[in-house]
Amino acid sequence: MIGLFSMLVGGFGIANIMFVSVKERTNIIGIQKSLGAKNYFILLQFLIESIVLCLLGGLVGLLLVYFSTFGVKALFDVQVVLDINNIIKGLGFSLGIGVISGIIPAYSASRLDPVEAIRTN
């Protein structure tokens, strides 16, 4: 349960970061669209950024778990195994959270009007 809540909070954090990123780069989005960038290109640009943020967080979490297994092995003399299936599941959850958290900000960025976006300050 605690893990689910932390993933939920992390998802909201990534979504907030992405909304701020869209807001800060509104002028650039307007320039890109006025030069002929398609909506899907801008959507993919922000969606990939969201996914990369989440995957980096997942990798940092995996590294923390990996190094904490050494501490558990040393303190309690038990065998702790970090299975490849668990690593894939963890990175898959990170990828899913990145897509879910980034789709709405990316969609809103791709639907901006170029003239209004360039005027925005």
N, C-alpha and C. Protein backbone atom coordinates (compact mmCIF):
# COMPACT_ATOMS: atom_id res chain seq x y z
N MET A 1 0.81 -1.20 0.00
CA MET A 1 0.00 0.00 0.00
C MET A 1 0.85 1.27 0.00
N ILE A 2 1.91 1.23 0.79
CA ILE A 2 2.78 2.40 0.87
C ILE A 2 3.44 2.66 -0.48
N GLY A 3 3.84 1.58 -1.15
CA GLY A 3 4.45 1.71 -2.48
C GLY A 3 3.50 2.33 -3.49
N LEU A 4 2.22 1.93 -3.42
CA LEU A 4 1.23 2.50 -4.34
C LEU A 4 1.03 3.99 -4.10
N PHE A 5 0.98 4.37 -2.83
CA PHE A 5 0.83 5.79 -2.52
C PHE A 5 2.06 6.59 -2.96
N SER A 6 3.24 6.01 -2.78
CA SER A 6 4.44 6.73 -3.21
C SER A 6 4.48 6.85 -4.73
N MET A 7 3.99 5.84 -5.45
CA MET A 7 3.92 5.95 -6.91
C MET A 7 2.90 7.00 -7.32
N LEU A 8 1.80 7.09 -6.61
CA LEU A 8 0.78 8.10 -6.89
C LEU A 8 1.34 9.51 -6.67
N VAL A 9 2.03 9.70 -5.56
CA VAL A 9 2.62 11.00 -5.27
C VAL A 9 3.70 11.33 -6.29
N GLY A 10 4.51 10.34 -6.66
CA GLY A 10 5.53 10.56 -7.68
C GLY A 10 4.92 10.93 -9.02
N GLY A 11 3.80 10.29 -9.36
CA GLY A 11 3.12 10.61 -10.61
C GLY A 11 2.61 12.03 -10.62
N PHE A 12 2.04 12.47 -9.50
CA PHE A 12 1.59 13.87 -9.42
C PHE A 12 2.77 14.83 -9.49
N GLY A 13 3.89 14.45 -8.90
CA GLY A 13 5.08 15.29 -8.96
C GLY A 13 5.60 15.43 -10.38
N ILE A 14 5.64 14.33 -11.11
CA ILE A 14 6.09 14.38 -12.50
C ILE A 14 5.12 15.20 -13.35
N ALA A 15 3.81 15.01 -13.13
CA ALA A 15 2.82 15.80 -13.88
C ALA A 15 3.00 17.29 -13.60
N ASN A 16 3.26 17.64 -12.36
CA ASN A 16 3.47 19.05 -12.00
C ASN A 16 4.73 19.59 -12.69
N ILE A 17 5.79 18.80 -12.69
CA ILE A 17 7.02 19.22 -13.38
C ILE A 17 6.75 19.43 -14.86
N MET A 18 5.96 18.56 -15.45
CA MET A 18 5.68 18.66 -16.88
C MET A 18 4.79 19.87 -17.19
N PHE A 19 3.81 20.15 -16.33
CA PHE A 19 2.98 21.34 -16.55
C PHE A 19 3.83 22.61 -16.47
N VAL A 20 4.76 22.67 -15.53
CA VAL A 20 5.66 23.82 -15.42
C VAL A 20 6.57 23.90 -16.64
N SER A 21 7.03 22.77 -17.11
CA SER A 21 7.89 22.74 -18.29
C SER A 21 7.15 23.26 -19.52
N VAL A 22 5.89 22.85 -19.67
CA VAL A 22 5.08 23.34 -20.79
C VAL A 22 4.88 24.84 -20.67
N LYS A 23 4.58 25.31 -19.47
CA LYS A 23 4.33 26.74 -19.26
C LYS A 23 5.58 27.56 -19.56
N GLU A 24 6.75 27.07 -19.14
CA GLU A 24 7.98 27.82 -19.37
C GLU A 24 8.40 27.83 -20.83
N ARG A 25 8.03 26.80 -21.57
CA ARG A 25 8.46 26.71 -22.96
C ARG A 25 7.33 27.01 -23.94
N THR A 26 6.34 27.75 -23.51
CA THR A 26 5.22 28.08 -24.40
C THR A 26 5.68 28.86 -25.61
N ASN A 27 6.57 29.81 -25.43
CA ASN A 27 7.10 30.58 -26.57
C ASN A 27 7.80 29.66 -27.58
N ILE A 28 8.59 28.74 -27.09
CA ILE A 28 9.33 27.83 -27.96
C ILE A 28 8.37 26.92 -28.71
N ILE A 29 7.32 26.48 -28.02
CA ILE A 29 6.32 25.63 -28.67
C ILE A 29 5.64 26.41 -29.79
N GLY A 30 5.32 27.67 -29.54
CA GLY A 30 4.71 28.51 -30.57
C GLY A 30 5.62 28.68 -31.77
N ILE A 31 6.90 28.88 -31.52
CA ILE A 31 7.85 29.03 -32.63
C ILE A 31 7.96 27.72 -33.40
N GLN A 32 8.02 26.60 -32.69
CA GLN A 32 8.09 25.31 -33.37
C GLN A 32 6.86 25.08 -34.25
N LYS A 33 5.69 25.39 -33.71
CA LYS A 33 4.46 25.17 -34.47
C LYS A 33 4.37 26.12 -35.66
N SER A 34 4.85 27.35 -35.49
CA SER A 34 4.81 28.30 -36.61
C SER A 34 5.79 27.90 -37.72
N LEU A 35 6.82 27.17 -37.35
CA LEU A 35 7.78 26.69 -38.35
C LEU A 35 7.35 25.36 -38.97
N GLY A 36 6.21 24.83 -38.53
CA GLY A 36 5.69 23.63 -39.18
C GLY A 36 5.73 22.36 -38.37
N ALA A 37 6.04 22.44 -37.09
CA ALA A 37 6.06 21.23 -36.26
C ALA A 37 4.64 20.69 -36.11
N LYS A 38 4.50 19.40 -36.26
CA LYS A 38 3.20 18.75 -36.12
C LYS A 38 2.86 18.56 -34.65
N ASN A 39 1.56 18.38 -34.38
CA ASN A 39 1.11 18.19 -33.00
C ASN A 39 1.73 16.96 -32.36
N TYR A 40 1.84 15.87 -33.13
CA TYR A 40 2.38 14.64 -32.55
C TYR A 40 3.86 14.79 -32.19
N PHE A 41 4.60 15.64 -32.92
CA PHE A 41 6.01 15.86 -32.60
C PHE A 41 6.15 16.54 -31.24
N ILE A 42 5.34 17.55 -31.01
CA ILE A 42 5.40 18.26 -29.73
C ILE A 42 4.90 17.35 -28.60
N LEU A 43 3.86 16.57 -28.88
CA LEU A 43 3.35 15.63 -27.89
C LEU A 43 4.43 14.62 -27.52
N LEU A 44 5.10 14.05 -28.52
CA LEU A 44 6.15 13.08 -28.24
C LEU A 44 7.33 13.70 -27.51
N GLN A 45 7.63 14.94 -27.82
CA GLN A 45 8.74 15.64 -27.16
C GLN A 45 8.52 15.70 -25.65
N PHE A 46 7.34 16.10 -25.24
CA PHE A 46 7.05 16.22 -23.81
C PHE A 46 6.80 14.86 -23.17
N LEU A 47 6.23 13.93 -23.91
CA LEU A 47 5.98 12.61 -23.37
C LEU A 47 7.29 11.86 -23.13
N ILE A 48 8.22 12.00 -24.04
CA ILE A 48 9.53 11.35 -23.86
C ILE A 48 10.27 11.98 -22.68
N GLU A 49 10.13 13.28 -22.50
CA GLU A 49 10.75 13.92 -21.34
C GLU A 49 10.18 13.37 -20.03
N SER A 50 8.88 13.19 -19.99
CA SER A 50 8.24 12.64 -18.80
C SER A 50 8.69 11.21 -18.53
N ILE A 51 8.78 10.41 -19.60
CA ILE A 51 9.21 9.03 -19.45
C ILE A 51 10.65 8.95 -18.97
N VAL A 52 11.51 9.80 -19.52
CA VAL A 52 12.91 9.79 -19.10
C VAL A 52 13.04 10.19 -17.63
N LEU A 53 12.27 11.18 -17.20
CA LEU A 53 12.30 11.56 -15.78
C LEU A 53 11.91 10.39 -14.89
N CYS A 54 10.86 9.70 -15.26
CA CYS A 54 10.39 8.57 -14.44
C CYS A 54 11.37 7.40 -14.48
N LEU A 55 11.96 7.12 -15.64
CA LEU A 55 12.93 6.03 -15.72
C LEU A 55 14.19 6.35 -14.92
N LEU A 56 14.61 7.60 -14.92
CA LEU A 56 15.76 7.98 -14.09
C LEU A 56 15.45 7.79 -12.61
N GLY A 57 14.24 8.17 -12.21
CA GLY A 57 13.83 7.93 -10.82
C GLY A 57 13.78 6.45 -10.49
N GLY A 58 13.30 5.65 -11.44
CA GLY A 58 13.26 4.20 -11.23
C GLY A 58 14.65 3.60 -11.12
N LEU A 59 15.58 4.09 -11.94
CA LEU A 59 16.96 3.60 -11.88
C LEU A 59 17.63 3.98 -10.56
N VAL A 60 17.38 5.19 -10.08
CA VAL A 60 17.94 5.60 -8.79
C VAL A 60 17.37 4.71 -7.68
N GLY A 61 16.07 4.43 -7.75
CA GLY A 61 15.45 3.54 -6.77
C GLY A 61 16.04 2.14 -6.83
N LEU A 62 16.27 1.63 -8.03
CA LEU A 62 16.88 0.31 -8.16
C LEU A 62 18.29 0.28 -7.61
N LEU A 63 19.04 1.34 -7.85
CA LEU A 63 20.40 1.40 -7.30
C LEU A 63 20.39 1.43 -5.77
N LEU A 64 19.44 2.17 -5.20
CA LEU A 64 19.32 2.19 -3.74
C LEU A 64 18.98 0.82 -3.19
N VAL A 65 18.06 0.12 -3.85
CA VAL A 65 17.70 -1.23 -3.41
C VAL A 65 18.88 -2.17 -3.57
N TYR A 66 19.60 -2.06 -4.68
CA TYR A 66 20.75 -2.94 -4.92
C TYR A 66 21.80 -2.77 -3.83
N PHE A 67 22.13 -1.53 -3.50
CA PHE A 67 23.15 -1.31 -2.49
C PHE A 67 22.65 -1.61 -1.08
N SER A 68 21.35 -1.45 -0.85
CA SER A 68 20.82 -1.81 0.48
C SER A 68 20.79 -3.32 0.69
N THR A 69 20.77 -4.10 -0.39
CA THR A 69 20.83 -5.56 -0.22
C THR A 69 22.17 -5.97 0.38
N PHE A 70 23.24 -5.26 0.07
CA PHE A 70 24.53 -5.57 0.69
C PHE A 70 24.48 -5.34 2.20
N GLY A 71 23.81 -4.26 2.61
CA GLY A 71 23.68 -3.99 4.04
C GLY A 71 22.85 -5.04 4.75
N VAL A 72 21.78 -5.48 4.12
CA VAL A 72 20.94 -6.52 4.72
C VAL A 72 21.71 -7.83 4.82
N LYS A 73 22.47 -8.16 3.78
CA LYS A 73 23.27 -9.38 3.81
C LYS A 73 24.31 -9.34 4.93
N ALA A 74 24.91 -8.18 5.13
CA ALA A 74 25.96 -8.05 6.14
C ALA A 74 25.38 -8.07 7.55
N LEU A 75 24.24 -7.42 7.76
CA LEU A 75 23.68 -7.32 9.11
C LEU A 75 22.99 -8.60 9.56
N PHE A 76 22.22 -9.21 8.69
CA PHE A 76 21.37 -10.32 9.10
C PHE A 76 21.82 -11.68 8.57
N ASP A 77 22.85 -11.72 7.77
CA ASP A 77 23.39 -12.96 7.22
C ASP A 77 22.30 -13.79 6.52
N VAL A 78 21.56 -13.12 5.64
CA VAL A 78 20.55 -13.80 4.83
C VAL A 78 20.88 -13.57 3.36
N GLN A 79 20.36 -14.45 2.55
CA GLN A 79 20.56 -14.33 1.11
C GLN A 79 19.45 -13.47 0.52
N VAL A 80 19.80 -12.33 -0.08
CA VAL A 80 18.84 -11.44 -0.72
C VAL A 80 19.19 -11.41 -2.20
N VAL A 81 18.18 -11.69 -3.04
CA VAL A 81 18.42 -11.74 -4.49
C VAL A 81 17.55 -10.70 -5.16
N LEU A 82 18.16 -9.87 -5.98
CA LEU A 82 17.43 -8.90 -6.80
C LEU A 82 17.27 -9.53 -8.17
N ASP A 83 16.09 -10.07 -8.42
CA ASP A 83 15.82 -10.84 -9.64
C ASP A 83 15.62 -9.90 -10.83
N ILE A 84 15.99 -10.38 -12.01
CA ILE A 84 15.83 -9.58 -13.23
C ILE A 84 14.36 -9.30 -13.50
N ASN A 85 13.47 -10.21 -13.13
CA ASN A 85 12.03 -9.96 -13.32
C ASN A 85 11.56 -8.78 -12.48
N ASN A 86 12.06 -8.66 -11.27
CA ASN A 86 11.70 -7.52 -10.42
C ASN A 86 12.25 -6.21 -10.98
N ILE A 87 13.44 -6.27 -11.57
CA ILE A 87 14.01 -5.07 -12.17
C ILE A 87 13.16 -4.63 -13.36
N ILE A 88 12.76 -5.59 -14.20
CA ILE A 88 11.93 -5.27 -15.36
C ILE A 88 10.57 -4.74 -14.93
N LYS A 89 9.98 -5.34 -13.89
CA LYS A 89 8.69 -4.86 -13.38
C LYS A 89 8.82 -3.43 -12.86
N GLY A 90 9.88 -3.16 -12.11
CA GLY A 90 10.08 -1.83 -11.56
C GLY A 90 10.25 -0.77 -12.65
N LEU A 91 11.04 -1.09 -13.66
CA LEU A 91 11.22 -0.14 -14.75
C LEU A 91 9.96 -0.02 -15.59
N GLY A 92 9.19 -1.11 -15.68
CA GLY A 92 7.90 -1.06 -16.39
C GLY A 92 6.91 -0.16 -15.68
N PHE A 93 6.86 -0.27 -14.34
CA PHE A 93 5.99 0.63 -13.57
C PHE A 93 6.43 2.07 -13.73
N SER A 94 7.74 2.32 -13.74
CA SER A 94 8.24 3.68 -13.94
C SER A 94 7.84 4.21 -15.31
N LEU A 95 7.94 3.36 -16.31
CA LEU A 95 7.55 3.76 -17.66
C LEU A 95 6.06 4.07 -17.71
N GLY A 96 5.24 3.23 -17.08
CA GLY A 96 3.79 3.46 -17.06
C GLY A 96 3.42 4.76 -16.35
N ILE A 97 4.06 5.02 -15.23
CA ILE A 97 3.81 6.26 -14.49
C ILE A 97 4.23 7.46 -15.34
N GLY A 98 5.34 7.33 -16.09
CA GLY A 98 5.78 8.41 -16.95
C GLY A 98 4.78 8.72 -18.05
N VAL A 99 4.21 7.67 -18.64
CA VAL A 99 3.22 7.88 -19.70
C VAL A 99 1.96 8.49 -19.12
N ILE A 100 1.47 7.95 -18.02
CA ILE A 100 0.23 8.45 -17.42
C ILE A 100 0.40 9.89 -16.94
N SER A 101 1.54 10.18 -16.32
CA SER A 101 1.76 11.53 -15.79
C SER A 101 2.04 12.56 -16.86
N GLY A 102 2.58 12.15 -17.98
CA GLY A 102 2.97 13.11 -18.99
C GLY A 102 2.00 13.30 -20.13
N ILE A 103 0.98 12.46 -20.23
CA ILE A 103 0.11 12.52 -21.41
C ILE A 103 -0.73 13.80 -21.42
N ILE A 104 -1.26 14.21 -20.31
CA ILE A 104 -2.12 15.41 -20.28
C ILE A 104 -1.30 16.69 -20.54
N PRO A 105 -0.15 16.89 -19.87
CA PRO A 105 0.63 18.08 -20.21
C PRO A 105 1.13 18.07 -21.65
N ALA A 106 1.52 16.90 -22.15
CA ALA A 106 2.00 16.82 -23.53
C ALA A 106 0.87 17.11 -24.51
N TYR A 107 -0.32 16.62 -24.22
CA TYR A 107 -1.46 16.88 -25.10
C TYR A 107 -1.81 18.36 -25.10
N SER A 108 -1.79 18.98 -23.92
CA SER A 108 -2.11 20.41 -23.85
C SER A 108 -1.04 21.24 -24.58
N ALA A 109 0.21 20.80 -24.53
CA ALA A 109 1.26 21.52 -25.26
C ALA A 109 1.08 21.37 -26.76
N SER A 110 0.64 20.21 -27.19
CA SER A 110 0.49 19.99 -28.64
C SER A 110 -0.71 20.72 -29.22
N ARG A 111 -1.66 21.11 -28.38
CA ARG A 111 -2.87 21.79 -28.85
C ARG A 111 -2.79 23.30 -28.75
N LEU A 112 -1.64 23.85 -28.38
CA LEU A 112 -1.52 25.31 -28.27
C LEU A 112 -1.62 25.97 -29.63
N ASP A 113 -2.24 27.14 -29.64
CA ASP A 113 -2.30 27.95 -30.85
C ASP A 113 -0.96 28.65 -31.02
N PRO A 114 -0.35 28.57 -32.20
CA PRO A 114 1.00 29.14 -32.36
C PRO A 114 1.07 30.64 -32.09
N VAL A 115 0.10 31.40 -32.54
CA VAL A 115 0.14 32.85 -32.36
C VAL A 115 0.01 33.20 -30.88
N GLU A 116 -0.94 32.57 -30.20
CA GLU A 116 -1.12 32.84 -28.77
C GLU A 116 0.08 32.37 -27.97
N ALA A 117 0.68 31.26 -28.38
CA ALA A 117 1.83 30.73 -27.66
C ALA A 117 3.04 31.67 -27.77
N ILE A 118 3.22 32.25 -28.96
CA ILE A 118 4.35 33.17 -29.12
C ILE A 118 4.13 34.45 -28.32
N ARG A 119 2.90 34.91 -28.22
CA ARG A 119 2.61 36.14 -27.47
C ARG A 119 2.76 35.96 -25.97
N THR A 120 2.59 34.73 -25.49
CA THR A 120 2.62 34.47 -24.06
C THR A 120 4.00 34.78 -23.51
N ASN A 121 4.02 35.40 -22.35
CA ASN A 121 5.28 35.74 -21.72
C ASN A 121 5.42 35.13 -20.39
